[in-house]
Amino acid sequence: MSADQLQFIFSLFSFVGVIGILFYIILSKAKQEEQQERVEILKDKVFALQEYILQVEEECETRKEPEEENLKEKIILLYEEGKDISLIEETLSVPRAKIEMVLKFHNLKKSDNWKNSID
């Protein structure tokens, strides 16, 4: 092989290498852009889900609070009047475990308020 032929072969390999590198750079750039688009779409979906969760939580809070608070107040009122737990259970149609739970929290809250009032 002559020097000109070797030079042509090396030039050809160099040209193919440069084309391959450019092709690789273009493909990696396209993948990065596609990943960025996916990240943006996922961010939008996460934001939408967070907004939906907040709306659902607000609806649940506004719906349940008055009924639950009213029921808790009735339980506490009847208990402080001296009614027995079984009588409260029959009167309000509330399970005994729930009545006991409400009364325990009420007693804890009273004891915490007492401790805070001393400090």
PDB file of N, CA and C in Angstrom:
ATOM      1  N   MET A   1       0.834  -1.183   0.000  1.00  0.00           N
ATOM      2  CA  MET A   1       0.000   0.000   0.000  1.00  0.00           C
ATOM      3  C   MET A   1       0.871   1.235   0.000  1.00  0.00           C
ATOM      4  N   SER A   2       0.394   2.185  -0.757  1.00  0.00           N
ATOM      5  CA  SER A   2       1.171   3.419  -0.846  1.00  0.00           C
ATOM      6  C   SER A   2       0.728   4.374   0.253  1.00  0.00           C
ATOM      7  N   ALA A   3       1.501   5.390   0.441  1.00  0.00           N
ATOM      8  CA  ALA A   3       1.221   6.384   1.475  1.00  0.00           C
ATOM      9  C   ALA A   3      -0.087   7.105   1.200  1.00  0.00           C
ATOM     10  N   ASP A   4      -0.390   7.348  -0.058  1.00  0.00           N
ATOM     11  CA  ASP A   4      -1.643   8.031  -0.406  1.00  0.00           C
ATOM     12  C   ASP A   4      -2.850   7.164  -0.048  1.00  0.00           C
ATOM     13  N   GLN A   5      -2.741   5.869  -0.284  1.00  0.00           N
ATOM     14  CA  GLN A   5      -3.846   4.962   0.036  1.00  0.00           C
ATOM     15  C   GLN A   5      -4.055   4.883   1.558  1.00  0.00           C
ATOM     16  N   LEU A   6      -2.949   4.806   2.313  1.00  0.00           N
ATOM     17  CA  LEU A   6      -3.063   4.784   3.767  1.00  0.00           C
ATOM     18  C   LEU A   6      -3.663   6.074   4.306  1.00  0.00           C
ATOM     19  N   GLN A   7      -3.236   7.172   3.726  1.00  0.00           N
ATOM     20  CA  GLN A   7      -3.761   8.470   4.155  1.00  0.00           C
ATOM     21  C   GLN A   7      -5.261   8.555   3.861  1.00  0.00           C
ATOM     22  N   PHE A   8      -5.692   8.025   2.719  1.00  0.00           N
ATOM     23  CA  PHE A   8      -7.104   8.026   2.362  1.00  0.00           C
ATOM     24  C   PHE A   8      -7.902   7.154   3.340  1.00  0.00           C
ATOM     25  N   ILE A   9      -7.384   5.969   3.687  1.00  0.00           N
ATOM     26  CA  ILE A   9      -8.075   5.075   4.616  1.00  0.00           C
ATOM     27  C   ILE A   9      -8.193   5.729   5.991  1.00  0.00           C
ATOM     28  N   PHE A  10      -7.098   6.317   6.491  1.00  0.00           N
ATOM     29  CA  PHE A  10      -7.150   6.998   7.792  1.00  0.00           C
ATOM     30  C   PHE A  10      -8.093   8.193   7.756  1.00  0.00           C
ATOM     31  N   SER A  11      -8.128   8.916   6.677  1.00  0.00           N
ATOM     32  CA  SER A  11      -9.050  10.050   6.535  1.00  0.00           C
ATOM     33  C   SER A  11     -10.494   9.560   6.555  1.00  0.00           C
ATOM     34  N   LEU A  12     -10.730   8.432   5.858  1.00  0.00           N
ATOM     35  CA  LEU A  12     -12.075   7.860   5.818  1.00  0.00           C
ATOM     36  C   LEU A  12     -12.520   7.423   7.219  1.00  0.00           C
ATOM     37  N   PHE A  13     -11.650   6.722   7.957  1.00  0.00           N
ATOM     38  CA  PHE A  13     -11.964   6.322   9.328  1.00  0.00           C
ATOM     39  C   PHE A  13     -12.206   7.541  10.218  1.00  0.00           C
ATOM     40  N   SER A  14     -11.408   8.573  10.064  1.00  0.00           N
ATOM     41  CA  SER A  14     -11.583   9.794  10.864  1.00  0.00           C
ATOM     42  C   SER A  14     -12.930  10.434  10.567  1.00  0.00           C
ATOM     43  N   PHE A  15     -13.285  10.482   9.268  1.00  0.00           N
ATOM     44  CA  PHE A  15     -14.560  11.073   8.881  1.00  0.00           C
ATOM     45  C   PHE A  15     -15.726  10.278   9.468  1.00  0.00           C
ATOM     46  N   VAL A  16     -15.646   8.945   9.397  1.00  0.00           N
ATOM     47  CA  VAL A  16     -16.691   8.091   9.954  1.00  0.00           C
ATOM     48  C   VAL A  16     -16.761   8.284  11.477  1.00  0.00           C
ATOM     49  N   GLY A  17     -15.621   8.419  12.144  1.00  0.00           N
ATOM     50  CA  GLY A  17     -15.586   8.647  13.592  1.00  0.00           C
ATOM     51  C   GLY A  17     -16.234   9.962  13.974  1.00  0.00           C
ATOM     52  N   VAL A  18     -15.929  11.015  13.215  1.00  0.00           N
ATOM     53  CA  VAL A  18     -16.533  12.328  13.497  1.00  0.00           C
ATOM     54  C   VAL A  18     -18.042  12.266  13.290  1.00  0.00           C
ATOM     55  N   ILE A  19     -18.489  11.625  12.237  1.00  0.00           N
ATOM     56  CA  ILE A  19     -19.933  11.485  11.973  1.00  0.00           C
ATOM     57  C   ILE A  19     -20.584  10.696  13.121  1.00  0.00           C
ATOM     58  N   GLY A  20     -19.924   9.636  13.584  1.00  0.00           N
ATOM     59  CA  GLY A  20     -20.453   8.836  14.687  1.00  0.00           C
ATOM     60  C   GLY A  20     -20.564   9.651  15.968  1.00  0.00           C
ATOM     61  N   ILE A  21     -19.554  10.438  16.268  1.00  0.00           N
ATOM     62  CA  ILE A  21     -19.577  11.290  17.465  1.00  0.00           C
ATOM     63  C   ILE A  21     -20.692  12.321  17.367  1.00  0.00           C
ATOM     64  N   LEU A  22     -20.837  12.950  16.207  1.00  0.00           N
ATOM     65  CA  LEU A  22     -21.923  13.925  16.025  1.00  0.00           C
ATOM     66  C   LEU A  22     -23.287  13.259  16.176  1.00  0.00           C
ATOM     67  N   PHE A  23     -23.440  12.076  15.616  1.00  0.00           N
ATOM     68  CA  PHE A  23     -24.699  11.336  15.738  1.00  0.00           C
ATOM     69  C   PHE A  23     -24.992  11.017  17.204  1.00  0.00           C
ATOM     70  N   TYR A  24     -23.974  10.598  17.961  1.00  0.00           N
ATOM     71  CA  TYR A  24     -24.126  10.300  19.377  1.00  0.00           C
ATOM     72  C   TYR A  24     -24.528  11.551  20.167  1.00  0.00           C
ATOM     73  N   ILE A  25     -23.909  12.675  19.873  1.00  0.00           N
ATOM     74  CA  ILE A  25     -24.237  13.936  20.563  1.00  0.00           C
ATOM     75  C   ILE A  25     -25.679  14.335  20.280  1.00  0.00           C
ATOM     76  N   ILE A  26     -26.099  14.201  19.036  1.00  0.00           N
ATOM     77  CA  ILE A  26     -27.471  14.569  18.672  1.00  0.00           C
ATOM     78  C   ILE A  26     -28.479  13.663  19.384  1.00  0.00           C
ATOM     79  N   LEU A  27     -28.191  12.356  19.425  1.00  0.00           N
ATOM     80  CA  LEU A  27     -29.095  11.422  20.109  1.00  0.00           C
ATOM     81  C   LEU A  27     -29.163  11.693  21.607  1.00  0.00           C
ATOM     82  N   SER A  28     -28.017  11.965  22.238  1.00  0.00           N
ATOM     83  CA  SER A  28     -28.033  12.228  23.681  1.00  0.00           C
ATOM     84  C   SER A  28     -28.773  13.527  23.991  1.00  0.00           C
ATOM     85  N   LYS A  29     -28.620  14.517  23.137  1.00  0.00           N
ATOM     86  CA  LYS A  29     -29.347  15.782  23.325  1.00  0.00           C
ATOM     87  C   LYS A  29     -30.853  15.554  23.192  1.00  0.00           C
ATOM     88  N   ALA A  30     -31.263  14.739  22.246  1.00  0.00           N
ATOM     89  CA  ALA A  30     -32.689  14.442  22.063  1.00  0.00           C
ATOM     90  C   ALA A  30     -33.234  13.694  23.280  1.00  0.00           C
ATOM     91  N   LYS A  31     -32.438  12.757  23.824  1.00  0.00           N
ATOM     92  CA  LYS A  31     -32.875  12.033  25.012  1.00  0.00           C
ATOM     93  C   LYS A  31     -33.016  12.967  26.203  1.00  0.00           C
ATOM     94  N   GLN A  32     -32.095  13.892  26.349  1.00  0.00           N
ATOM     95  CA  GLN A  32     -32.174  14.856  27.459  1.00  0.00           C
ATOM     96  C   GLN A  32     -33.422  15.713  27.347  1.00  0.00           C
ATOM     97  N   GLU A  33     -33.712  16.177  26.139  1.00  0.00           N
ATOM     98  CA  GLU A  33     -34.908  16.998  25.942  1.00  0.00           C
ATOM     99  C   GLU A  33     -36.174  16.200  26.226  1.00  0.00           C
ATOM    100  N   GLU A  34     -36.191  14.938  25.806  1.00  0.00           N
ATOM    101  CA  GLU A  34     -37.352  14.091  26.060  1.00  0.00           C
ATOM    102  C   GLU A  34     -37.527  13.852  27.560  1.00  0.00           C
ATOM    103  N   GLN A  35     -36.421  13.631  28.254  1.00  0.00           N
ATOM    104  CA  GLN A  35     -36.495  13.439  29.701  1.00  0.00           C
ATOM    105  C   GLN A  35     -36.965  14.711  30.397  1.00  0.00           C
ATOM    106  N   GLN A  36     -36.512  15.864  29.935  1.00  0.00           N
ATOM    107  CA  GLN A  36     -36.961  17.126  30.529  1.00  0.00           C
ATOM    108  C   GLN A  36     -38.454  17.326  30.309  1.00  0.00           C
ATOM    109  N   GLU A  37     -38.939  16.956  29.136  1.00  0.00           N
ATOM    110  CA  GLU A  37     -40.375  17.061  28.872  1.00  0.00           C
ATOM    111  C   GLU A  37     -41.158  16.129  29.798  1.00  0.00           C
ATOM    112  N   ARG A  38     -40.646  14.913  29.994  1.00  0.00           N
ATOM    113  CA  ARG A  38     -41.317  13.971  30.895  1.00  0.00           C
ATOM    114  C   ARG A  38     -41.318  14.496  32.325  1.00  0.00           C
ATOM    115  N   VAL A  39     -40.202  15.088  32.744  1.00  0.00           N
ATOM    116  CA  VAL A  39     -40.130  15.650  34.096  1.00  0.00           C
ATOM    117  C   VAL A  39     -41.152  16.770  34.255  1.00  0.00           C
ATOM    118  N   GLU A  40     -41.271  17.618  33.262  1.00  0.00           N
ATOM    119  CA  GLU A  40     -42.255  18.707  33.327  1.00  0.00           C
ATOM    120  C   GLU A  40     -43.677  18.157  33.388  1.00  0.00           C
ATOM    121  N   ILE A  41     -43.956  17.140  32.608  1.00  0.00           N
ATOM    122  CA  ILE A  41     -45.291  16.531  32.630  1.00  0.00           C
ATOM    123  C   ILE A  41     -45.568  15.929  34.006  1.00  0.00           C
ATOM    124  N   LEU A  42     -44.562  15.234  34.568  1.00  0.00           N
ATOM    125  CA  LEU A  42     -44.735  14.648  35.894  1.00  0.00           C
ATOM    126  C   LEU A  42     -44.917  15.722  36.961  1.00  0.00           C
ATOM    127  N   LYS A  43     -44.184  16.823  36.846  1.00  0.00           N
ATOM    128  CA  LYS A  43     -44.353  17.924  37.796  1.00  0.00           C
ATOM    129  C   LYS A  43     -45.763  18.485  37.735  1.00  0.00           C
ATOM    130  N   ASP A  44     -46.277  18.632  36.519  1.00  0.00           N
ATOM    131  CA  ASP A  44     -47.646  19.123  36.372  1.00  0.00           C
ATOM    132  C   ASP A  44     -48.649  18.148  36.994  1.00  0.00           C
ATOM    133  N   LYS A  45     -48.423  16.853  36.780  1.00  0.00           N
ATOM    134  CA  LYS A  45     -49.328  15.859  37.352  1.00  0.00           C
ATOM    135  C   LYS A  45     -49.259  15.861  38.874  1.00  0.00           C
ATOM    136  N   VAL A  46     -48.059  15.986  39.420  1.00  0.00           N
ATOM    137  CA  VAL A  46     -47.905  16.030  40.876  1.00  0.00           C
ATOM    138  C   VAL A  46     -48.603  17.263  41.439  1.00  0.00           C
ATOM    139  N   PHE A  47     -48.444  18.403  40.779  1.00  0.00           N
ATOM    140  CA  PHE A  47     -49.096  19.621  41.234  1.00  0.00           C
ATOM    141  C   PHE A  47     -50.613  19.467  41.197  1.00  0.00           C
ATOM    142  N   ALA A  48     -51.113  18.861  40.111  1.00  0.00           N
ATOM    143  CA  ALA A  48     -52.561  18.652  40.000  1.00  0.00           C
ATOM    144  C   ALA A  48     -53.056  17.707  41.093  1.00  0.00           C
ATOM    145  N   LEU A  49     -52.292  16.664  41.373  1.00  0.00           N
ATOM    146  CA  LEU A  49     -52.687  15.733  42.434  1.00  0.00           C
ATOM    147  C   LEU A  49     -52.661  16.401  43.803  1.00  0.00           C
ATOM    148  N   GLN A  50     -51.670  17.250  44.054  1.00  0.00           N
ATOM    149  CA  GLN A  50     -51.611  17.966  45.327  1.00  0.00           C
ATOM    150  C   GLN A  50     -52.814  18.891  45.477  1.00  0.00           C
ATOM    151  N   GLU A  51     -53.171  19.571  44.422  1.00  0.00           N
ATOM    152  CA  GLU A  51     -54.347  20.437  44.461  1.00  0.00           C
ATOM    153  C   GLU A  51     -55.611  19.616  44.723  1.00  0.00           C
ATOM    154  N   TYR A  52     -55.708  18.462  44.078  1.00  0.00           N
ATOM    155  CA  TYR A  52     -56.868  17.594  44.271  1.00  0.00           C
ATOM    156  C   TYR A  52     -56.934  17.104  45.714  1.00  0.00           C
ATOM    157  N   ILE A  53     -55.790  16.719  46.266  1.00  0.00           N
ATOM    158  CA  ILE A  53     -55.753  16.251  47.660  1.00  0.00           C
ATOM    159  C   ILE A  53     -56.190  17.359  48.601  1.00  0.00           C
ATOM    160  N   LEU A  54     -55.714  18.573  48.371  1.00  0.00           N
ATOM    161  CA  LEU A  54     -56.115  19.697  49.220  1.00  0.00           C
ATOM    162  C   LEU A  54     -57.619  19.941  49.147  1.00  0.00           C
ATOM    163  N   GLN A  55     -58.170  19.855  47.945  1.00  0.00           N
ATOM    164  CA  GLN A  55     -59.614  20.055  47.794  1.00  0.00           C
ATOM    165  C   GLN A  55     -60.395  18.967  48.532  1.00  0.00           C
ATOM    166  N   VAL A  56     -59.955  17.731  48.406  1.00  0.00           N
ATOM    167  CA  VAL A  56     -60.647  16.629  49.073  1.00  0.00           C
ATOM    168  C   VAL A  56     -60.546  16.776  50.585  1.00  0.00           C
ATOM    169  N   GLU A  57     -59.363  17.153  51.089  1.00  0.00           N
ATOM    170  CA  GLU A  57     -59.197  17.343  52.527  1.00  0.00           C
ATOM    171  C   GLU A  57     -60.088  18.468  53.035  1.00  0.00           C
ATOM    172  N   GLU A  58     -60.182  19.555  52.282  1.00  0.00           N
ATOM    173  CA  GLU A  58     -61.045  20.663  52.691  1.00  0.00           C
ATOM    174  C   GLU A  58     -62.504  20.230  52.724  1.00  0.00           C
ATOM    175  N   GLU A  59     -62.920  19.459  51.728  1.00  0.00           N
ATOM    176  CA  GLU A  59     -64.298  18.978  51.707  1.00  0.00           C
ATOM    177  C   GLU A  59     -64.577  18.065  52.900  1.00  0.00           C
ATOM    178  N   CYS A  60     -63.625  17.200  53.199  1.00  0.00           N
ATOM    179  CA  CYS A  60     -63.801  16.283  54.334  1.00  0.00           C
ATOM    180  C   CYS A  60     -63.865  17.048  55.649  1.00  0.00           C
ATOM    181  N   GLU A  61     -63.015  18.046  55.800  1.00  0.00           N
ATOM    182  CA  GLU A  61     -63.006  18.821  57.037  1.00  0.00           C
ATOM    183  C   GLU A  61     -64.301  19.596  57.207  1.00  0.00           C
ATOM    184  N   THR A  62     -64.785  20.194  56.152  1.00  0.00           N
ATOM    185  CA  THR A  62     -66.000  21.003  56.268  1.00  0.00           C
ATOM    186  C   THR A  62     -67.224  20.122  56.457  1.00  0.00           C
ATOM    187  N   ARG A  63     -67.194  18.927  55.915  1.00  0.00           N
ATOM    188  CA  ARG A  63     -68.346  18.039  56.019  1.00  0.00           C
ATOM    189  C   ARG A  63     -68.429  17.360  57.379  1.00  0.00           C
ATOM    190  N   LYS A  64     -67.322  16.891  57.905  1.00  0.00           N
ATOM    191  CA  LYS A  64     -67.348  16.070  59.102  1.00  0.00           C
ATOM    192  C   LYS A  64     -67.287  16.872  60.393  1.00  0.00           C
ATOM    193  N   GLU A  65     -66.610  17.979  60.382  1.00  0.00           N
ATOM    194  CA  GLU A  65     -66.379  18.702  61.630  1.00  0.00           C
ATOM    195  C   GLU A  65     -67.641  19.068  62.387  1.00  0.00           C
ATOM    196  N   PRO A  66     -68.608  19.715  61.765  1.00  0.00           N
ATOM    197  CA  PRO A  66     -69.780  20.106  62.548  1.00  0.00           C
ATOM    198  C   PRO A  66     -70.510  18.909  63.171  1.00  0.00           C
ATOM    199  N   GLU A  67     -70.666  17.839  62.407  1.00  0.00           N
ATOM    200  CA  GLU A  67     -71.370  16.681  62.931  1.00  0.00           C
ATOM    201  C   GLU A  67     -70.572  16.034  64.055  1.00  0.00           C
ATOM    202  N   GLU A  68     -69.272  15.852  63.835  1.00  0.00           N
ATOM    203  CA  GLU A  68     -68.424  15.208  64.832  1.00  0.00           C
ATOM    204  C   GLU A  68     -68.311  16.069  66.087  1.00  0.00           C
ATOM    205  N   GLU A  69     -68.079  17.351  65.909  1.00  0.00           N
ATOM    206  CA  GLU A  69     -67.948  18.238  67.063  1.00  0.00           C
ATOM    207  C   GLU A  69     -69.257  18.303  67.851  1.00  0.00           C
ATOM    208  N   ASN A  70     -70.366  18.361  67.142  1.00  0.00           N
ATOM    209  CA  ASN A  70     -71.663  18.403  67.796  1.00  0.00           C
ATOM    210  C   ASN A  70     -71.887  17.122  68.599  1.00  0.00           C
ATOM    211  N   LEU A  71     -71.524  15.979  68.019  1.00  0.00           N
ATOM    212  CA  LEU A  71     -71.681  14.699  68.705  1.00  0.00           C
ATOM    213  C   LEU A  71     -70.766  14.635  69.920  1.00  0.00           C
ATOM    214  N   LYS A  72     -69.532  15.095  69.778  1.00  0.00           N
ATOM    215  CA  LYS A  72     -68.593  15.090  70.897  1.00  0.00           C
ATOM    216  C   LYS A  72     -69.110  15.969  72.036  1.00  0.00           C
ATOM    217  N   GLU A  73     -69.626  17.141  71.679  1.00  0.00           N
ATOM    218  CA  GLU A  73     -70.155  18.048  72.701  1.00  0.00           C
ATOM    219  C   GLU A  73     -71.338  17.417  73.436  1.00  0.00           C
ATOM    220  N   LYS A  74     -72.203  16.713  72.703  1.00  0.00           N
ATOM    221  CA  LYS A  74     -73.338  16.057  73.339  1.00  0.00           C
ATOM    222  C   LYS A  74     -72.869  14.966  74.296  1.00  0.00           C
ATOM    223  N   ILE A  75     -71.876  14.186  73.869  1.00  0.00           N
ATOM    224  CA  ILE A  75     -71.350  13.125  74.731  1.00  0.00           C
ATOM    225  C   ILE A  75     -70.778  13.717  76.010  1.00  0.00           C
ATOM    226  N   ILE A  76     -69.963  14.765  75.861  1.00  0.00           N
ATOM    227  CA  ILE A  76     -69.332  15.394  77.029  1.00  0.00           C
ATOM    228  C   ILE A  76     -70.383  16.004  77.938  1.00  0.00           C
ATOM    229  N   LEU A  77     -71.366  16.655  77.359  1.00  0.00           N
ATOM    230  CA  LEU A  77     -72.429  17.288  78.146  1.00  0.00           C
ATOM    231  C   LEU A  77     -73.204  16.247  78.949  1.00  0.00           C
ATOM    232  N   LEU A  78     -73.606  15.161  78.300  1.00  0.00           N
ATOM    233  CA  LEU A  78     -74.344  14.112  79.004  1.00  0.00           C
ATOM    234  C   LEU A  78     -73.498  13.466  80.094  1.00  0.00           C
ATOM    235  N   TYR A  79     -72.209  13.276  79.826  1.00  0.00           N
ATOM    236  CA  TYR A  79     -71.337  12.660  80.828  1.00  0.00           C
ATOM    237  C   TYR A  79     -71.158  13.581  82.032  1.00  0.00           C
ATOM    238  N   GLU A  80     -70.992  14.870  81.762  1.00  0.00           N
ATOM    239  CA  GLU A  80     -70.818  15.817  82.864  1.00  0.00           C
ATOM    240  C   GLU A  80     -72.107  16.001  83.661  1.00  0.00           C
ATOM    241  N   GLU A  81     -73.250  15.706  83.049  1.00  0.00           N
ATOM    242  CA  GLU A  81     -74.518  15.748  83.777  1.00  0.00           C
ATOM    243  C   GLU A  81     -74.671  14.529  84.677  1.00  0.00           C
ATOM    244  N   GLY A  82     -73.779  13.558  84.532  1.00  0.00           N
ATOM    245  CA  GLY A  82     -73.810  12.388  85.390  1.00  0.00           C
ATOM    246  C   GLY A  82     -74.447  11.170  84.752  1.00  0.00           C
ATOM    247  N   LYS A  83     -74.695  11.219  83.481  1.00  0.00           N
ATOM    248  CA  LYS A  83     -75.299  10.070  82.800  1.00  0.00           C
ATOM    249  C   LYS A  83     -74.266   8.949  82.674  1.00  0.00           C
ATOM    250  N   ASP A  84     -74.737   7.734  82.706  1.00  0.00           N
ATOM    251  CA  ASP A  84     -73.897   6.557  82.565  1.00  0.00           C
ATOM    252  C   ASP A  84     -73.532   6.369  81.091  1.00  0.00           C
ATOM    253  N   ILE A  85     -72.409   5.726  80.833  1.00  0.00           N
ATOM    254  CA  ILE A  85     -71.946   5.524  79.455  1.00  0.00           C
ATOM    255  C   ILE A  85     -72.944   4.690  78.660  1.00  0.00           C
ATOM    256  N   SER A  86     -73.527   3.690  79.276  1.00  0.00           N
ATOM    257  CA  SER A  86     -74.510   2.862  78.566  1.00  0.00           C
ATOM    258  C   SER A  86     -75.750   3.671  78.203  1.00  0.00           C
ATOM    259  N   LEU A  87     -76.146   4.620  79.053  1.00  0.00           N
ATOM    260  CA  LEU A  87     -77.288   5.482  78.754  1.00  0.00           C
ATOM    261  C   LEU A  87     -76.956   6.420  77.595  1.00  0.00           C
ATOM    262  N   ILE A  88     -75.734   6.951  77.600  1.00  0.00           N
ATOM    263  CA  ILE A  88     -75.298   7.820  76.489  1.00  0.00           C
ATOM    264  C   ILE A  88     -75.280   7.017  75.189  1.00  0.00           C
ATOM    265  N   GLU A  89     -74.837   5.791  75.298  1.00  0.00           N
ATOM    266  CA  GLU A  89     -74.772   4.915  74.117  1.00  0.00           C
ATOM    267  C   GLU A  89     -76.166   4.699  73.533  1.00  0.00           C
ATOM    268  N   GLU A  90     -77.123   4.454  74.361  1.00  0.00           N
ATOM    269  CA  GLU A  90     -78.496   4.231  73.900  1.00  0.00           C
ATOM    270  C   GLU A  90     -79.128   5.523  73.389  1.00  0.00           C
ATOM    271  N   THR A  91     -78.862   6.621  74.066  1.00  0.00           N
ATOM    272  CA  THR A  91     -79.481   7.892  73.698  1.00  0.00           C
ATOM    273  C   THR A  91     -78.985   8.395  72.342  1.00  0.00           C
ATOM    274  N   LEU A  92     -77.675   8.362  72.132  1.00  0.00           N
ATOM    275  CA  LEU A  92     -77.103   8.947  70.907  1.00  0.00           C
ATOM    276  C   LEU A  92     -76.838   7.924  69.804  1.00  0.00           C
ATOM    277  N   SER A  93     -77.032   6.655  70.090  1.00  0.00           N
ATOM    278  CA  SER A  93     -76.751   5.579  69.129  1.00  0.00           C
ATOM    279  C   SER A  93     -75.308   5.641  68.639  1.00  0.00           C
ATOM    280  N   VAL A  94     -74.406   5.728  69.598  1.00  0.00           N
ATOM    281  CA  VAL A  94     -72.980   5.805  69.315  1.00  0.00           C
ATOM    282  C   VAL A  94     -72.316   4.607  69.988  1.00  0.00           C
ATOM    283  N   PRO A  95     -71.355   3.972  69.332  1.00  0.00           N
ATOM    284  CA  PRO A  95     -70.693   2.821  69.956  1.00  0.00           C
ATOM    285  C   PRO A  95     -69.976   3.213  71.252  1.00  0.00           C
ATOM    286  N   ARG A  96     -69.957   2.284  72.172  1.00  0.00           N
ATOM    287  CA  ARG A  96     -69.360   2.512  73.491  1.00  0.00           C
ATOM    288  C   ARG A  96     -67.884   2.894  73.373  1.00  0.00           C
ATOM    289  N   ALA A  97     -67.166   2.261  72.461  1.00  0.00           N
ATOM    290  CA  ALA A  97     -65.736   2.548  72.303  1.00  0.00           C
ATOM    291  C   ALA A  97     -65.514   4.006  71.898  1.00  0.00           C
ATOM    292  N   LYS A  98     -66.372   4.517  71.052  1.00  0.00           N
ATOM    293  CA  LYS A  98     -66.232   5.909  70.619  1.00  0.00           C
ATOM    294  C   LYS A  98     -66.517   6.860  71.778  1.00  0.00           C
ATOM    295  N   ILE A  99     -67.511   6.548  72.554  1.00  0.00           N
ATOM    296  CA  ILE A  99     -67.836   7.384  73.722  1.00  0.00           C
ATOM    297  C   ILE A  99     -66.658   7.401  74.683  1.00  0.00           C
ATOM    298  N   GLU A 100     -66.094   6.224  74.950  1.00  0.00           N
ATOM    299  CA  GLU A 100     -64.956   6.151  75.866  1.00  0.00           C
ATOM    300  C   GLU A 100     -63.764   6.925  75.325  1.00  0.00           C
ATOM    301  N   MET A 101     -63.541   6.837  74.026  1.00  0.00           N
ATOM    302  CA  MET A 101     -62.437   7.567  73.414  1.00  0.00           C
ATOM    303  C   MET A 101     -62.628   9.074  73.559  1.00  0.00           C
ATOM    304  N   VAL A 102     -63.832   9.553  73.280  1.00  0.00           N
ATOM    305  CA  VAL A 102     -64.119  10.993  73.395  1.00  0.00           C
ATOM    306  C   VAL A 102     -63.914  11.455  74.834  1.00  0.00           C
ATOM    307  N   LEU A 103     -64.372  10.658  75.775  1.00  0.00           N
ATOM    308  CA  LEU A 103     -64.235  11.039  77.186  1.00  0.00           C
ATOM    309  C   LEU A 103     -62.775  11.014  77.636  1.00  0.00           C
ATOM    310  N   LYS A 104     -62.006  10.049  77.156  1.00  0.00           N
ATOM    311  CA  LYS A 104     -60.585  10.015  77.507  1.00  0.00           C
ATOM    312  C   LYS A 104     -59.861  11.250  76.987  1.00  0.00           C
ATOM    313  N   PHE A 105     -60.119  11.599  75.736  1.00  0.00           N
ATOM    314  CA  PHE A 105     -59.483  12.797  75.187  1.00  0.00           C
ATOM    315  C   PHE A 105     -59.954  14.056  75.906  1.00  0.00           C
ATOM    316  N   HIS A 106     -61.202  14.082  76.270  1.00  0.00           N
ATOM    317  CA  HIS A 106     -61.731  15.229  77.008  1.00  0.00           C
ATOM    318  C   HIS A 106     -61.026  15.350  78.361  1.00  0.00           C
ATOM    319  N   ASN A 107     -60.876  14.233  79.058  1.00  0.00           N
ATOM    320  CA  ASN A 107     -60.191  14.249  80.351  1.00  0.00           C
ATOM    321  C   ASN A 107     -58.722  14.633  80.197  1.00  0.00           C
ATOM    322  N   LEU A 108     -58.079  14.134  79.145  1.00  0.00           N
ATOM    323  CA  LEU A 108     -56.684  14.519  78.897  1.00  0.00           C
ATOM    324  C   LEU A 108     -56.569  16.014  78.606  1.00  0.00           C
ATOM    325  N   LYS A 109     -57.501  16.513  77.830  1.00  0.00           N
ATOM    326  CA  LYS A 109     -57.472  17.942  77.501  1.00  0.00           C
ATOM    327  C   LYS A 109     -57.678  18.782  78.758  1.00  0.00           C
ATOM    328  N   LYS A 110     -58.587  18.326  79.614  1.00  0.00           N
ATOM    329  CA  LYS A 110     -58.816  19.042  80.872  1.00  0.00           C
ATOM    330  C   LYS A 110     -57.557  19.020  81.731  1.00  0.00           C
ATOM    331  N   SER A 111     -56.896  17.876  81.811  1.00  0.00           N
ATOM    332  CA  SER A 111     -55.693  17.787  82.646  1.00  0.00           C
ATOM    333  C   SER A 111     -54.564  18.615  82.042  1.00  0.00           C
ATOM    334  N   ASP A 112     -54.459  18.676  80.710  1.00  0.00           N
ATOM    335  CA  ASP A 112     -53.441  19.521  80.079  1.00  0.00           C
ATOM    336  C   ASP A 112     -53.726  20.992  80.344  1.00  0.00           C
ATOM    337  N   ASN A 113     -54.989  21.389  80.270  1.00  0.00           N
ATOM    338  CA  ASN A 113     -55.338  22.779  80.548  1.00  0.00           C
ATOM    339  C   ASN A 113     -55.018  23.129  81.996  1.00  0.00           C
ATOM    340  N   TRP A 114     -55.242  22.196  82.891  1.00  0.00           N
ATOM    341  CA  TRP A 114     -54.943  22.420  84.289  1.00  0.00           C
ATOM    342  C   TRP A 114     -53.445  22.628  84.484  1.00  0.00           C
ATOM    343  N   LYS A 115     -52.625  21.798  83.828  1.00  0.00           N
ATOM    344  CA  LYS A 115     -51.171  21.937  83.947  1.00  0.00           C
ATOM    345  C   LYS A 115     -50.696  23.256  83.353  1.00  0.00           C
ATOM    346  N   ASN A 116     -51.288  23.637  82.226  1.00  0.00           N
ATOM    347  CA  ASN A 116     -50.910  24.909  81.595  1.00  0.00           C
ATOM    348  C   ASN A 116     -51.328  26.114  82.440  1.00  0.00           C
ATOM    349  N   SER A 117     -52.435  26.002  83.152  1.00  0.00           N
ATOM    350  CA  SER A 117     -52.898  27.130  83.945  1.00  0.00           C
ATOM    351  C   SER A 117     -51.980  27.359  85.164  1.00  0.00           C
ATOM    352  N   ILE A 118     -51.316  26.325  85.635  1.00  0.00           N
ATOM    353  CA  ILE A 118     -50.393  26.469  86.766  1.00  0.00           C
ATOM    354  C   ILE A 118     -49.127  27.152  86.321  1.00  0.00           C
ATOM    355  N   ASP A 119     -48.645  26.820  85.135  1.00  0.00           N
ATOM    356  CA  ASP A 119     -47.394  27.401  84.637  1.00  0.00           C
ATOM    357  C   ASP A 119     -47.612  28.834  84.359  1.00  0.00           C
TER     358      ASP A 119
END
